[in-house]
Amino acid sequence: MIIYDLRCDQGHVFEGWFQDRRSFEEQRERGFITCPFCGSTKAEIAPSSVNFLSRESKEGTRGPIDRQPMLTLKVLHDFLVKNFEDVGERFADVALKIHYGEEERRNIRGTTTPEEEENLREEGVPFVKVPLPKFDA
């Protein structure tokens, strides 16, 4: 089984699982691959930084690409730190105030309790939980 990142002709990226490259090509030619976002049946394999090892892979051929997951987490962490205001434990209160127009709209980050998360959901406040590892300086 192989997983490809695919991109439709409208630019949407999604995953496809195939037995092998030939299966991907056959399904694409027959119009069986459909973008889940727009329904387009025109898809190509998108570039991916994921490293796959198979039985045929030689020992010792793993290179710097093996570190991509950590690099990806570091880039995400840096983006959130740079572009989101850290409101700490006040996240739920600030998010509610922004939601109801009592504070200006902006990107925020912080922490919540399970009860606060449930309250935010009930109030219809959109949020995403992103657990971030601590990185050494």
C-alpha atoms as a PDB file:
ATOM      1  CA  MET A   1       0.000   0.000   0.000  1.00  0.00           C
ATOM      2  CA  ILE A   2       1.289   3.466  -0.878  1.00  0.00           C
ATOM      3  CA  ILE A   3      -0.159   6.836   0.117  1.00  0.00           C
ATOM      4  CA  TYR A   4       0.210   9.751  -2.284  1.00  0.00           C
ATOM      5  CA  ASP A   5      -0.480  13.408  -1.682  1.00  0.00           C
ATOM      6  CA  LEU A   6      -2.612  14.413  -4.667  1.00  0.00           C
ATOM      7  CA  ARG A   7      -3.490  17.824  -6.108  1.00  0.00           C
ATOM      8  CA  CYS A   8      -6.523  18.394  -8.314  1.00  0.00           C
ATOM      9  CA  ASP A   9      -6.578  20.854 -11.209  1.00  0.00           C
ATOM     10  CA  GLN A  10      -8.233  23.387  -8.860  1.00  0.00           C
ATOM     11  CA  GLY A  11      -5.269  23.249  -6.444  1.00  0.00           C
ATOM     12  CA  HIS A  12      -6.848  21.209  -3.636  1.00  0.00           C
ATOM     13  CA  VAL A  13      -4.484  18.756  -1.910  1.00  0.00           C
ATOM     14  CA  PHE A  14      -5.761  15.434  -0.607  1.00  0.00           C
ATOM     15  CA  GLU A  15      -4.561  11.882   0.106  1.00  0.00           C
ATOM     16  CA  GLY A  16      -4.954   8.811  -2.052  1.00  0.00           C
ATOM     17  CA  TRP A  17      -4.177   5.220  -1.059  1.00  0.00           C
ATOM     18  CA  PHE A  18      -3.124   2.836  -3.813  1.00  0.00           C
ATOM     19  CA  GLN A  19      -1.737  -0.671  -4.174  1.00  0.00           C
ATOM     20  CA  ASP A  20       1.131   0.696  -6.281  1.00  0.00           C
ATOM     21  CA  ARG A  21       1.980   3.394  -8.845  1.00  0.00           C
ATOM     22  CA  ARG A  22       0.291   1.402 -11.624  1.00  0.00           C
ATOM     23  CA  SER A  23      -2.979   1.344  -9.630  1.00  0.00           C
ATOM     24  CA  PHE A  24      -2.809   5.118  -9.258  1.00  0.00           C
ATOM     25  CA  GLU A  25      -2.237   5.593 -13.009  1.00  0.00           C
ATOM     26  CA  GLU A  26      -5.085   3.214 -13.958  1.00  0.00           C
ATOM     27  CA  GLN A  27      -7.575   4.829 -11.558  1.00  0.00           C
ATOM     28  CA  ARG A  28      -6.607   8.314 -12.731  1.00  0.00           C
ATOM     29  CA  GLU A  29      -7.020   7.365 -16.414  1.00  0.00           C
ATOM     30  CA  ARG A  30     -10.474   5.896 -15.717  1.00  0.00           C
ATOM     31  CA  GLY A  31     -11.586   8.988 -13.765  1.00  0.00           C
ATOM     32  CA  PHE A  32     -11.944   7.091 -10.489  1.00  0.00           C
ATOM     33  CA  ILE A  33      -9.934   9.593  -8.429  1.00  0.00           C
ATOM     34  CA  THR A  34     -12.177  12.413  -7.224  1.00  0.00           C
ATOM     35  CA  CYS A  35     -11.208  15.513  -5.266  1.00  0.00           C
ATOM     36  CA  PRO A  36     -13.196  15.489  -2.005  1.00  0.00           C
ATOM     37  CA  PHE A  37     -13.367  19.304  -2.039  1.00  0.00           C
ATOM     38  CA  CYS A  38     -14.590  20.128  -5.549  1.00  0.00           C
ATOM     39  CA  GLY A  39     -15.319  16.813  -7.277  1.00  0.00           C
ATOM     40  CA  SER A  40     -12.666  17.238  -9.986  1.00  0.00           C
ATOM     41  CA  THR A  41     -11.421  13.978 -11.500  1.00  0.00           C
ATOM     42  CA  LYS A  42      -8.166  15.507 -12.731  1.00  0.00           C
ATOM     43  CA  ALA A  43      -5.435  14.828 -10.165  1.00  0.00           C
ATOM     44  CA  GLU A  44      -1.666  14.604 -10.135  1.00  0.00           C
ATOM     45  CA  ILE A  45       0.766  13.443  -7.476  1.00  0.00           C
ATOM     46  CA  ALA A  46       1.802  16.448  -5.384  1.00  0.00           C
ATOM     47  CA  PRO A  47       5.383  16.825  -4.159  1.00  0.00           C
ATOM     48  CA  SER A  48       5.807  15.396  -0.669  1.00  0.00           C
ATOM     49  CA  SER A  49       8.614  15.451   1.859  1.00  0.00           C
ATOM     50  CA  VAL A  50       7.649  12.077   3.335  1.00  0.00           C
ATOM     51  CA  ASN A  51      10.299   9.365   3.158  1.00  0.00           C
ATOM     52  CA  PHE A  52       9.206   5.794   2.471  1.00  0.00           C
ATOM     53  CA  LEU A  53      11.368   2.779   3.120  1.00  0.00           C
ATOM     54  CA  SER A  54      10.597  -0.570   1.580  1.00  0.00           C
ATOM     55  CA  ARG A  55      12.196  -4.002   1.621  1.00  0.00           C
ATOM     56  CA  GLU A  56      14.190  -2.911  -1.384  1.00  0.00           C
ATOM     57  CA  SER A  57      15.606   0.137   0.440  1.00  0.00           C
ATOM     58  CA  LYS A  58      19.252  -0.316   1.240  1.00  0.00           C
ATOM     59  CA  GLU A  59      20.514  -0.090   4.804  1.00  0.00           C
ATOM     60  CA  GLY A  60      22.190   3.255   5.467  1.00  0.00           C
ATOM     61  CA  THR A  61      20.447   5.143   2.636  1.00  0.00           C
ATOM     62  CA  ARG A  62      18.308   7.210   4.976  1.00  0.00           C
ATOM     63  CA  GLY A  63      19.275  10.845   4.657  1.00  0.00           C
ATOM     64  CA  PRO A  64      18.318  14.213   6.100  1.00  0.00           C
ATOM     65  CA  ILE A  65      14.739  13.839   4.835  1.00  0.00           C
ATOM     66  CA  ASP A  66      14.127  11.460   7.785  1.00  0.00           C
ATOM     67  CA  ARG A  67      14.074  14.541  10.017  1.00  0.00           C
ATOM     68  CA  GLN A  68      11.242  16.210   8.113  1.00  0.00           C
ATOM     69  CA  PRO A  69       8.570  15.563  10.777  1.00  0.00           C
ATOM     70  CA  MET A  70      10.592  17.465  13.399  1.00  0.00           C
ATOM     71  CA  LEU A  71      11.307  20.243  10.916  1.00  0.00           C
ATOM     72  CA  THR A  72       7.600  20.458  10.102  1.00  0.00           C
ATOM     73  CA  LEU A  73       6.715  20.723  13.799  1.00  0.00           C
ATOM     74  CA  LYS A  74       9.383  23.391  14.277  1.00  0.00           C
ATOM     75  CA  VAL A  75       8.066  25.432  11.343  1.00  0.00           C
ATOM     76  CA  LEU A  76       4.493  25.161  12.696  1.00  0.00           C
ATOM     77  CA  HIS A  77       5.663  26.156  16.178  1.00  0.00           C
ATOM     78  CA  ASP A  78       7.584  29.172  14.844  1.00  0.00           C
ATOM     79  CA  PHE A  79       4.593  30.249  12.720  1.00  0.00           C
ATOM     80  CA  LEU A  80       2.197  30.106  15.682  1.00  0.00           C
ATOM     81  CA  VAL A  81       4.591  31.962  17.988  1.00  0.00           C
ATOM     82  CA  LYS A  82       5.153  34.675  15.383  1.00  0.00           C
ATOM     83  CA  ASN A  83       1.544  35.099  14.179  1.00  0.00           C
ATOM     84  CA  PHE A  84      -0.649  34.380  17.221  1.00  0.00           C
ATOM     85  CA  GLU A  85      -0.871  36.430  20.409  1.00  0.00           C
ATOM     86  CA  ASP A  86      -0.227  34.305  23.493  1.00  0.00           C
ATOM     87  CA  VAL A  87      -3.081  34.945  25.928  1.00  0.00           C
ATOM     88  CA  GLY A  88      -2.113  32.009  28.145  1.00  0.00           C
ATOM     89  CA  GLU A  89      -4.782  30.683  30.489  1.00  0.00           C
ATOM     90  CA  ARG A  90      -7.165  33.485  29.425  1.00  0.00           C
ATOM     91  CA  PHE A  91      -7.704  31.810  26.016  1.00  0.00           C
ATOM     92  CA  ALA A  92     -11.368  30.892  26.561  1.00  0.00           C
ATOM     93  CA  ASP A  93     -12.298  34.347  27.917  1.00  0.00           C
ATOM     94  CA  VAL A  94     -10.501  36.211  25.133  1.00  0.00           C
ATOM     95  CA  ALA A  95     -11.905  33.880  22.456  1.00  0.00           C
ATOM     96  CA  LEU A  96     -15.458  34.505  23.709  1.00  0.00           C
ATOM     97  CA  LYS A  97     -14.913  38.281  23.736  1.00  0.00           C
ATOM     98  CA  ILE A  98     -13.578  38.191  20.186  1.00  0.00           C
ATOM     99  CA  HIS A  99     -16.477  35.955  19.124  1.00  0.00           C
ATOM    100  CA  TYR A 100     -19.039  38.429  20.492  1.00  0.00           C
ATOM    101  CA  GLY A 101     -17.252  41.514  19.147  1.00  0.00           C
ATOM    102  CA  GLU A 102     -16.122  42.808  22.543  1.00  0.00           C
ATOM    103  CA  GLU A 103     -12.465  42.665  21.435  1.00  0.00           C
ATOM    104  CA  GLU A 104     -10.833  43.099  18.040  1.00  0.00           C
ATOM    105  CA  ARG A 105     -10.500  40.011  15.852  1.00  0.00           C
ATOM    106  CA  ARG A 106      -7.002  38.576  15.923  1.00  0.00           C
ATOM    107  CA  ASN A 107      -5.142  35.309  16.078  1.00  0.00           C
ATOM    108  CA  ILE A 108      -4.684  34.073  19.628  1.00  0.00           C
ATOM    109  CA  ARG A 109      -3.155  31.044  21.273  1.00  0.00           C
ATOM    110  CA  GLY A 110      -3.218  29.750  24.822  1.00  0.00           C
ATOM    111  CA  THR A 111      -4.467  26.983  27.051  1.00  0.00           C
ATOM    112  CA  THR A 112      -7.900  25.774  28.112  1.00  0.00           C
ATOM    113  CA  THR A 113      -9.456  23.284  30.461  1.00  0.00           C
ATOM    114  CA  PRO A 114     -11.765  20.577  29.103  1.00  0.00           C
ATOM    115  CA  GLU A 115     -14.723  22.490  30.583  1.00  0.00           C
ATOM    116  CA  GLU A 116     -13.680  25.704  28.825  1.00  0.00           C
ATOM    117  CA  GLU A 117     -13.341  23.830  25.542  1.00  0.00           C
ATOM    118  CA  GLU A 118     -16.853  22.438  25.908  1.00  0.00           C
ATOM    119  CA  ASN A 119     -18.198  25.924  26.650  1.00  0.00           C
ATOM    120  CA  LEU A 120     -16.456  27.317  23.545  1.00  0.00           C
ATOM    121  CA  ARG A 121     -18.029  24.562  21.422  1.00  0.00           C
ATOM    122  CA  GLU A 122     -21.489  25.254  22.881  1.00  0.00           C
ATOM    123  CA  GLU A 123     -21.083  28.982  22.138  1.00  0.00           C
ATOM    124  CA  GLY A 124     -20.043  28.214  18.560  1.00  0.00           C
ATOM    125  CA  VAL A 125     -16.530  29.609  18.916  1.00  0.00           C
ATOM    126  CA  PRO A 126     -14.225  28.012  16.343  1.00  0.00           C
ATOM    127  CA  PHE A 127     -10.849  26.899  17.685  1.00  0.00           C
ATOM    128  CA  VAL A 128      -8.218  24.280  16.958  1.00  0.00           C
ATOM    129  CA  LYS A 129      -6.169  22.406  19.539  1.00  0.00           C
ATOM    130  CA  VAL A 130      -2.532  22.173  18.468  1.00  0.00           C
ATOM    131  CA  PRO A 131      -0.269  20.472  21.003  1.00  0.00           C
ATOM    132  CA  LEU A 132       3.174  21.957  20.542  1.00  0.00           C
ATOM    133  CA  PRO A 133       6.408  20.435  21.757  1.00  0.00           C
ATOM    134  CA  LYS A 134       8.938  22.618  23.519  1.00  0.00           C
ATOM    135  CA  PHE A 135      12.012  23.248  21.380  1.00  0.00           C
ATOM    136  CA  ASP A 136      15.464  24.012  22.724  1.00  0.00           C
ATOM    137  CA  ALA A 137      16.707  27.446  21.739  1.00  0.00           C
END
